[in-house]
C-alpha atoms as a PDB file:
ATOM      1  CA  MET A   1     -14.314  91.955 -25.819  1.00  0.00           C
ATOM      2  CA  ARG A   2     -14.193  93.788 -29.198  1.00  0.00           C
ATOM      3  CA  TYR A   3     -10.552  92.762 -29.609  1.00  0.00           C
ATOM      4  CA  LEU A   4     -11.179  89.123 -28.753  1.00  0.00           C
ATOM      5  CA  ILE A   5     -14.039  88.788 -31.512  1.00  0.00           C
ATOM      6  CA  LEU A   6     -11.580  90.520 -33.981  1.00  0.00           C
ATOM      7  CA  LEU A   7      -8.846  88.047 -33.001  1.00  0.00           C
ATOM      8  CA  LEU A   8     -11.208  85.164 -33.424  1.00  0.00           C
ATOM      9  CA  LEU A   9     -12.373  86.458 -36.794  1.00  0.00           C
ATOM     10  CA  LEU A  10      -8.751  86.746 -37.943  1.00  0.00           C
ATOM     11  CA  VAL A  11      -7.858  83.162 -36.774  1.00  0.00           C
ATOM     12  CA  CYS A  12     -10.903  81.794 -38.578  1.00  0.00           C
ATOM     13  CA  LEU A  13      -9.938  83.663 -41.753  1.00  0.00           C
ATOM     14  CA  ALA A  14      -6.284  82.550 -41.554  1.00  0.00           C
ATOM     15  CA  LEU A  15      -7.577  78.846 -40.992  1.00  0.00           C
ATOM     16  CA  GLY A  16      -9.837  79.235 -44.103  1.00  0.00           C
ATOM     17  CA  VAL A  17      -6.995  80.475 -46.208  1.00  0.00           C
ATOM     18  CA  VAL A  18      -4.716  77.631 -45.071  1.00  0.00           C
ATOM     19  CA  PHE A  19      -7.427  75.096 -45.719  1.00  0.00           C
ATOM     20  CA  GLY A  20      -8.051  76.524 -49.189  1.00  0.00           C
ATOM     21  CA  ALA A  21      -4.320  76.542 -49.972  1.00  0.00           C
ATOM     22  CA  LEU A  22      -3.678  72.996 -48.808  1.00  0.00           C
ATOM     23  CA  ASN A  23      -6.816  71.812 -50.839  1.00  0.00           C
ATOM     24  CA  ALA A  24      -5.897  73.369 -54.302  1.00  0.00           C
ATOM     25  CA  GLU A  25      -6.916  70.236 -56.472  1.00  0.00           C
ATOM     26  CA  LEU A  26      -9.581  70.998 -58.841  1.00  0.00           C
ATOM     27  CA  VAL A  27     -12.836  69.183 -58.645  1.00  0.00           C
ATOM     28  CA  GLY A  28     -15.658  69.239 -61.212  1.00  0.00           C
ATOM     29  CA  LEU A  29     -19.108  70.147 -60.223  1.00  0.00           C
ATOM     30  CA  ASP A  30     -21.869  69.514 -62.549  1.00  0.00           C
ATOM     31  CA  PHE A  31     -25.204  71.345 -61.799  1.00  0.00           C
ATOM     32  CA  GLY A  32     -27.015  70.252 -64.918  1.00  0.00           C
ATOM     33  CA  PHE A  33     -27.027  73.586 -66.596  1.00  0.00           C
ATOM     34  CA  VAL A  34     -23.442  74.632 -65.946  1.00  0.00           C
ATOM     35  CA  ARG A  35     -20.218  72.637 -65.140  1.00  0.00           C
ATOM     36  CA  LEU A  36     -17.648  74.210 -62.843  1.00  0.00           C
ATOM     37  CA  ASN A  37     -14.005  73.320 -61.986  1.00  0.00           C
ATOM     38  CA  LEU A  38     -13.184  74.705 -58.577  1.00  0.00           C
ATOM     39  CA  PRO A  39     -10.543  73.967 -56.066  1.00  0.00           C
ATOM     40  CA  ILE A  40     -11.691  71.424 -53.303  1.00  0.00           C
ATOM     41  CA  GLY A  41     -11.129  73.951 -50.556  1.00  0.00           C
ATOM     42  CA  ALA A  42     -13.190  76.684 -52.128  1.00  0.00           C
ATOM     43  CA  SER A  43     -15.883  74.336 -53.005  1.00  0.00           C
ATOM     44  CA  LEU A  44     -16.062  73.036 -49.374  1.00  0.00           C
ATOM     45  CA  LEU A  45     -15.978  76.441 -47.756  1.00  0.00           C
ATOM     46  CA  SER A  46     -18.657  77.776 -50.133  1.00  0.00           C
ATOM     47  CA  ALA A  47     -20.804  74.860 -49.239  1.00  0.00           C
ATOM     48  CA  VAL A  48     -20.389  75.534 -45.577  1.00  0.00           C
ATOM     49  CA  ILE A  49     -21.135  79.138 -45.957  1.00  0.00           C
ATOM     50  CA  LEU A  50     -24.189  78.436 -48.209  1.00  0.00           C
ATOM     51  CA  GLY A  51     -25.458  75.891 -45.760  1.00  0.00           C
ATOM     52  CA  TRP A  52     -24.975  78.438 -42.873  1.00  0.00           C
ATOM     53  CA  LEU A  53     -26.837  81.040 -44.677  1.00  0.00           C
ATOM     54  CA  LEU A  54     -29.634  78.818 -45.786  1.00  0.00           C
ATOM     55  CA  GLY A  55     -29.974  77.454 -42.217  1.00  0.00           C
ATOM     56  CA  GLY A  56     -30.016  80.944 -40.699  1.00  0.00           C
ATOM     57  CA  PHE A  57     -32.687  82.103 -43.236  1.00  0.00           C
ATOM     58  CA  THR A  58     -34.829  79.056 -42.494  1.00  0.00           C
ATOM     59  CA  ALA A  59     -34.696  79.701 -38.765  1.00  0.00           C
ATOM     60  CA  TRP A  60     -35.465  83.262 -39.167  1.00  0.00           C
ATOM     61  CA  TRP A  61     -38.358  82.527 -41.390  1.00  0.00           C
ATOM     62  CA  GLY A  62     -39.836  79.993 -38.913  1.00  0.00           C
ATOM     63  CA  VAL A  63     -39.617  82.272 -35.998  1.00  0.00           C
ATOM     64  CA  ASN A  64     -40.922  85.275 -37.924  1.00  0.00           C
ATOM     65  CA  ALA A  65     -43.853  83.219 -39.356  1.00  0.00           C
ATOM     66  CA  ARG A  66     -44.807  82.042 -35.663  1.00  0.00           C
ATOM     67  CA  HIS A  67     -44.608  85.600 -34.430  1.00  0.00           C
ATOM     68  CA  ARG A  68     -46.834  86.725 -37.152  1.00  0.00           C
ATOM     69  CA  ARG A  69     -49.393  83.980 -36.359  1.00  0.00           C
ATOM     70  CA  SER A  70     -49.381  84.760 -32.709  1.00  0.00           C
ATOM     71  CA  ARG A  71     -49.803  88.484 -33.457  1.00  0.00           C
ATOM     72  CA  ARG A  72     -52.688  87.784 -35.778  1.00  0.00           C
ATOM     73  CA  GLY A  73     -54.321  85.574 -33.167  1.00  0.00           C
ATOM     74  CA  ARG A  74     -53.988  88.295 -30.352  1.00  0.00           C
ATOM     75  CA  ASP A  75     -55.794  90.846 -32.763  1.00  0.00           C
ATOM     76  CA  ARG A  76     -58.577  88.530 -33.599  1.00  0.00           C
ATOM     77  CA  LYS A  77     -59.537  87.782 -29.891  1.00  0.00           C
ATOM     78  CA  PRO A  78     -62.138  90.143 -28.628  1.00  0.00           C
ATOM     79  CA  ARG A  79     -60.864  92.348 -25.752  1.00  0.00           C
ATOM     80  CA  SER A  80     -62.441  92.155 -22.424  1.00  0.00           C
ATOM     81  CA  PRO A  81     -63.998  95.307 -21.251  1.00  0.00           C
ATOM     82  CA  THR A  82     -62.222  97.036 -18.480  1.00  0.00           C
ATOM     83  CA  PRO A  83     -64.281  97.652 -15.478  1.00  0.00           C
ATOM     84  CA  ASP A  84     -65.169 101.351 -15.020  1.00  0.00           C
ATOM     85  CA  ALA A  85     -63.697 102.808 -11.959  1.00  0.00           C
END
C-alpha cells in the first residue's frame, strides 16, 4: 500500500512538471499592489494548490467550531444525579 501511494505521488508530480513545461508562456497577474509575470502552468498549479489548502482549512475550521459548540453545550447541561446503589 505504501508503494502504491508513493507511485501515485510520483505520477502526479511528473504530470505537474509536464503540465508546467507545456504551458511556459508568461501571463501577467496584477494584484493591485504588486504585478507578477509567471508561467501559465505555475500560476494554474499554484491556484489549484492554494484553493485546496483554503478549502481544507475552511472545512477544518467548520468541523472544529461545531465540535467546540457541542462540547460547550454538553458542559452546560446539568448532570442528572446517579441513583445510589
